[in-house]
Amino acid sequence: MPFVYILQCGDGSYYVGSTTDMIARLTEHNSGGGARYTRSRRPVTLAWCSEVERVDEAYALEKRIQGWRRDKRQALIEGRYADLPSLSHTSRVDGGG
C-alpha cells in the first residue's frame, strides 16, 4: 500500500513525500539518498504518515499537502483535523469582506 508522509528535518522544516515502502524511504532519506531537500537537513524523523489505497491517491495527497502552509501541516501532524478548514483560508490584509 502507498503512504503519504511528512518528515521533520533537522532544521525544523517539513518535507512531504509519498512512497510504497515507508521504512525503506525513511532509511533512504536519513542515509542521504533521499530527496535533495532532505540531504542537507538530516537527520529527519517521521512526523506524520497515512496509508492510502492507490498510488495515484498518494501522489495527489502529497501534492495537496505540499501546497499547505506550515501551520496547516502542523495541525495535521498534531491531529487537529477540525482546524484544517479554517487554516485553508488566508486573512485579508485590507480588512475588506
N, C-alpha and C. Protein backbone atom coordinates (compact mmCIF):
# COMPACT_ATOMS: atom_id res chain seq x y z
N MET A 1 0.83 -1.19 0.00
CA MET A 1 0.00 0.00 0.00
C MET A 1 0.88 1.25 0.00
N PRO A 2 0.46 2.27 -0.69
CA PRO A 2 1.21 3.53 -0.70
C PRO A 2 0.96 4.37 0.56
N PHE A 3 1.92 5.20 0.85
CA PHE A 3 1.86 6.08 2.00
C PHE A 3 2.15 7.51 1.57
N VAL A 4 1.58 8.46 2.30
CA VAL A 4 1.93 9.87 2.20
C VAL A 4 2.53 10.19 3.56
N TYR A 5 3.60 10.99 3.57
CA TYR A 5 4.27 11.23 4.84
C TYR A 5 4.79 12.66 4.93
N ILE A 6 5.00 13.08 6.17
CA ILE A 6 5.66 14.35 6.45
C ILE A 6 6.84 14.04 7.34
N LEU A 7 8.02 14.50 6.93
CA LEU A 7 9.22 14.37 7.73
C LEU A 7 9.53 15.70 8.39
N GLN A 8 10.00 15.65 9.63
CA GLN A 8 10.55 16.85 10.23
C GLN A 8 12.05 16.76 10.07
N CYS A 9 12.61 17.76 9.44
CA CYS A 9 14.04 17.77 9.15
C CYS A 9 14.81 18.31 10.35
N GLY A 10 16.12 18.08 10.34
CA GLY A 10 16.97 18.53 11.43
C GLY A 10 16.92 20.03 11.66
N ASP A 11 16.59 20.81 10.64
CA ASP A 11 16.50 22.26 10.79
C ASP A 11 15.10 22.72 11.19
N GLY A 12 14.19 21.75 11.45
CA GLY A 12 12.82 22.09 11.87
C GLY A 12 11.84 22.23 10.73
N SER A 13 12.31 22.22 9.50
CA SER A 13 11.40 22.33 8.36
C SER A 13 10.72 21.00 8.10
N TYR A 14 9.71 21.02 7.25
CA TYR A 14 8.97 19.81 6.91
C TYR A 14 9.20 19.45 5.45
N TYR A 15 9.19 18.15 5.19
CA TYR A 15 9.28 17.62 3.84
C TYR A 15 8.11 16.68 3.66
N VAL A 16 7.39 16.80 2.55
CA VAL A 16 6.23 15.96 2.26
C VAL A 16 6.57 15.06 1.09
N GLY A 17 6.25 13.77 1.21
CA GLY A 17 6.52 12.83 0.14
C GLY A 17 5.53 11.69 0.13
N SER A 18 5.73 10.76 -0.79
CA SER A 18 4.91 9.56 -0.86
C SER A 18 5.80 8.39 -1.28
N THR A 19 5.39 7.20 -0.90
CA THR A 19 6.18 6.01 -1.16
C THR A 19 5.32 4.77 -1.02
N THR A 20 5.82 3.66 -1.52
CA THR A 20 5.14 2.38 -1.30
C THR A 20 5.84 1.57 -0.21
N ASP A 21 6.99 2.04 0.28
CA ASP A 21 7.72 1.36 1.35
C ASP A 21 8.23 2.40 2.34
N MET A 22 7.46 2.66 3.38
CA MET A 22 7.75 3.75 4.31
C MET A 22 9.08 3.56 5.03
N ILE A 23 9.35 2.37 5.50
CA ILE A 23 10.58 2.13 6.25
C ILE A 23 11.80 2.33 5.37
N ALA A 24 11.77 1.77 4.16
CA ALA A 24 12.90 1.93 3.25
C ALA A 24 13.09 3.39 2.86
N ARG A 25 12.01 4.11 2.65
CA ARG A 25 12.12 5.51 2.24
C ARG A 25 12.69 6.37 3.36
N LEU A 26 12.27 6.13 4.59
CA LEU A 26 12.80 6.89 5.73
C LEU A 26 14.29 6.61 5.88
N THR A 27 14.69 5.36 5.74
CA THR A 27 16.10 5.00 5.80
C THR A 27 16.87 5.70 4.68
N GLU A 28 16.28 5.73 3.50
CA GLU A 28 16.92 6.38 2.36
C GLU A 28 17.13 7.87 2.62
N HIS A 29 16.11 8.54 3.16
CA HIS A 29 16.25 9.97 3.47
C HIS A 29 17.38 10.19 4.48
N ASN A 30 17.43 9.36 5.51
CA ASN A 30 18.43 9.56 6.56
C ASN A 30 19.83 9.16 6.15
N SER A 31 19.96 8.37 5.10
CA SER A 31 21.29 7.98 4.63
C SER A 31 21.83 8.95 3.59
N GLY A 32 21.02 9.94 3.22
CA GLY A 32 21.45 10.93 2.24
C GLY A 32 21.07 10.57 0.82
N GLY A 33 20.37 9.46 0.64
CA GLY A 33 19.98 9.03 -0.69
C GLY A 33 18.58 9.44 -1.07
N GLY A 34 17.92 10.17 -0.21
CA GLY A 34 16.55 10.60 -0.49
C GLY A 34 16.53 11.86 -1.33
N ALA A 35 15.53 12.64 -1.14
CA ALA A 35 15.36 13.88 -1.90
C ALA A 35 16.49 14.87 -1.62
N ARG A 36 16.79 15.68 -2.59
CA ARG A 36 17.84 16.70 -2.44
C ARG A 36 17.54 17.61 -1.24
N TYR A 37 16.26 17.92 -1.03
CA TYR A 37 15.88 18.81 0.07
C TYR A 37 16.33 18.25 1.42
N THR A 38 16.14 16.94 1.63
CA THR A 38 16.45 16.36 2.94
C THR A 38 17.93 16.05 3.13
N ARG A 39 18.69 15.96 2.06
CA ARG A 39 20.11 15.58 2.18
C ARG A 39 20.89 16.51 3.09
N SER A 40 20.63 17.79 2.99
CA SER A 40 21.37 18.76 3.81
C SER A 40 20.64 19.12 5.10
N ARG A 41 19.55 18.42 5.38
CA ARG A 41 18.74 18.74 6.57
C ARG A 41 18.57 17.53 7.48
N ARG A 42 19.50 16.59 7.41
CA ARG A 42 19.43 15.40 8.24
C ARG A 42 19.88 15.71 9.66
N PRO A 43 19.42 14.92 10.62
CA PRO A 43 18.54 13.77 10.46
C PRO A 43 17.09 14.19 10.27
N VAL A 44 16.33 13.28 9.70
CA VAL A 44 14.89 13.52 9.55
C VAL A 44 14.14 12.49 10.40
N THR A 45 12.99 12.90 10.89
CA THR A 45 12.14 11.99 11.65
C THR A 45 10.75 12.00 11.04
N LEU A 46 10.09 10.89 11.13
CA LEU A 46 8.72 10.78 10.61
C LEU A 46 7.78 11.51 11.56
N ALA A 47 7.14 12.55 11.06
CA ALA A 47 6.22 13.35 11.87
C ALA A 47 4.77 12.90 11.68
N TRP A 48 4.44 12.43 10.47
CA TRP A 48 3.07 12.03 10.15
C TRP A 48 3.11 11.12 8.94
N CYS A 49 2.18 10.18 8.91
CA CYS A 49 2.09 9.28 7.76
C CYS A 49 0.67 8.74 7.68
N SER A 50 0.22 8.52 6.46
CA SER A 50 -1.11 7.97 6.23
C SER A 50 -1.04 6.98 5.07
N GLU A 51 -1.66 5.84 5.26
CA GLU A 51 -1.72 4.84 4.21
C GLU A 51 -2.97 5.09 3.38
N VAL A 52 -2.84 5.00 2.07
CA VAL A 52 -3.97 5.19 1.16
C VAL A 52 -4.10 3.97 0.26
N GLU A 53 -5.17 3.90 -0.48
CA GLU A 53 -5.46 2.72 -1.30
C GLU A 53 -4.60 2.59 -2.56
N ARG A 54 -4.39 3.74 -3.23
CA ARG A 54 -3.75 3.66 -4.55
C ARG A 54 -2.61 4.68 -4.66
N VAL A 55 -1.66 4.38 -5.52
CA VAL A 55 -0.51 5.25 -5.74
C VAL A 55 -0.95 6.62 -6.23
N ASP A 56 -1.95 6.68 -7.13
CA ASP A 56 -2.39 7.98 -7.63
C ASP A 56 -3.02 8.82 -6.53
N GLU A 57 -3.68 8.18 -5.57
CA GLU A 57 -4.23 8.90 -4.41
C GLU A 57 -3.10 9.47 -3.56
N ALA A 58 -2.06 8.66 -3.35
CA ALA A 58 -0.92 9.10 -2.55
C ALA A 58 -0.26 10.31 -3.20
N TYR A 59 -0.05 10.24 -4.49
CA TYR A 59 0.60 11.34 -5.20
C TYR A 59 -0.25 12.62 -5.13
N ALA A 60 -1.55 12.47 -5.31
CA ALA A 60 -2.44 13.64 -5.27
C ALA A 60 -2.45 14.27 -3.87
N LEU A 61 -2.49 13.43 -2.83
CA LEU A 61 -2.49 13.95 -1.46
C LEU A 61 -1.14 14.59 -1.14
N GLU A 62 -0.07 13.99 -1.60
CA GLU A 62 1.26 14.57 -1.41
C GLU A 62 1.31 15.98 -2.00
N LYS A 63 0.87 16.14 -3.22
CA LYS A 63 0.90 17.45 -3.88
C LYS A 63 0.00 18.45 -3.15
N ARG A 64 -1.13 17.97 -2.66
CA ARG A 64 -2.05 18.85 -1.93
C ARG A 64 -1.40 19.37 -0.65
N ILE A 65 -0.80 18.46 0.12
CA ILE A 65 -0.18 18.86 1.39
C ILE A 65 1.05 19.74 1.13
N GLN A 66 1.76 19.49 0.05
CA GLN A 66 2.91 20.33 -0.29
C GLN A 66 2.50 21.79 -0.49
N GLY A 67 1.28 22.02 -0.88
CA GLY A 67 0.79 23.38 -1.09
C GLY A 67 0.33 24.06 0.19
N TRP A 68 0.29 23.33 1.28
CA TRP A 68 -0.17 23.90 2.54
C TRP A 68 0.91 24.72 3.23
N ARG A 69 0.46 25.71 3.98
CA ARG A 69 1.38 26.47 4.83
C ARG A 69 1.82 25.61 6.01
N ARG A 70 2.86 26.04 6.67
CA ARG A 70 3.42 25.31 7.82
C ARG A 70 2.39 25.09 8.92
N ASP A 71 1.59 26.10 9.24
CA ASP A 71 0.63 25.96 10.33
C ASP A 71 -0.42 24.89 10.04
N LYS A 72 -0.80 24.75 8.79
CA LYS A 72 -1.76 23.72 8.43
C LYS A 72 -1.12 22.33 8.49
N ARG A 73 0.11 22.22 8.05
CA ARG A 73 0.83 20.94 8.17
C ARG A 73 0.98 20.56 9.64
N GLN A 74 1.29 21.55 10.47
CA GLN A 74 1.44 21.31 11.91
C GLN A 74 0.14 20.80 12.52
N ALA A 75 -0.98 21.37 12.12
CA ALA A 75 -2.28 20.91 12.62
C ALA A 75 -2.52 19.45 12.22
N LEU A 76 -2.18 19.09 11.00
CA LEU A 76 -2.33 17.71 10.55
C LEU A 76 -1.46 16.78 11.38
N ILE A 77 -0.22 17.14 11.59
CA ILE A 77 0.70 16.34 12.38
C ILE A 77 0.17 16.14 13.80
N GLU A 78 -0.39 17.20 14.36
CA GLU A 78 -0.90 17.15 15.73
C GLU A 78 -2.28 16.53 15.83
N GLY A 79 -2.87 16.17 14.70
CA GLY A 79 -4.19 15.55 14.72
C GLY A 79 -5.33 16.54 14.96
N ARG A 80 -5.08 17.81 14.74
CA ARG A 80 -6.12 18.83 14.91
C ARG A 80 -6.90 18.99 13.61
N TYR A 81 -7.61 17.94 13.25
CA TYR A 81 -8.32 17.89 11.96
C TYR A 81 -9.41 18.95 11.84
N ALA A 82 -10.04 19.28 12.96
CA ALA A 82 -11.10 20.30 12.93
C ALA A 82 -10.55 21.68 12.56
N ASP A 83 -9.26 21.89 12.78
CA ASP A 83 -8.64 23.19 12.46
C ASP A 83 -8.28 23.31 10.98
N LEU A 84 -8.21 22.20 10.27
CA LEU A 84 -7.74 22.25 8.88
C LEU A 84 -8.56 23.16 7.97
N PRO A 85 -9.90 23.11 8.02
CA PRO A 85 -10.65 24.00 7.12
C PRO A 85 -10.37 25.48 7.35
N SER A 86 -10.27 25.90 8.60
CA SER A 86 -10.03 27.32 8.87
C SER A 86 -8.62 27.73 8.47
N LEU A 87 -7.70 26.80 8.45
CA LEU A 87 -6.33 27.10 8.03
C LEU A 87 -6.18 27.13 6.52
N SER A 88 -7.25 26.81 5.82
CA SER A 88 -7.23 26.84 4.36
C SER A 88 -7.45 28.24 3.82
N HIS A 89 -7.90 29.13 4.64
CA HIS A 89 -8.24 30.47 4.19
C HIS A 89 -7.22 31.47 4.72
N THR A 90 -6.81 32.37 3.87
CA THR A 90 -5.91 33.42 4.31
C THR A 90 -6.74 34.64 4.69
N SER A 91 -6.26 35.34 5.70
CA SER A 91 -7.00 36.54 6.11
C SER A 91 -6.64 37.67 5.16
N ARG A 92 -7.59 38.54 4.96
CA ARG A 92 -7.38 39.68 4.04
C ARG A 92 -6.68 40.79 4.79
N VAL A 93 -5.64 41.32 4.18
CA VAL A 93 -4.86 42.38 4.79
C VAL A 93 -5.62 43.70 4.77
N ASP A 94 -6.43 43.93 3.73
CA ASP A 94 -7.10 45.21 3.60
C ASP A 94 -8.36 45.32 4.45
N GLY A 95 -8.71 44.26 5.15
CA GLY A 95 -9.87 44.30 6.03
C GLY A 95 -11.19 44.25 5.31
N GLY A 96 -11.17 44.12 4.00
CA GLY A 96 -12.41 44.07 3.22
C GLY A 96 -13.11 42.76 3.36
N GLY A 97 -14.31 42.68 2.91
CA GLY A 97 -15.07 41.48 3.10
C GLY A 97 -15.45 40.92 1.84
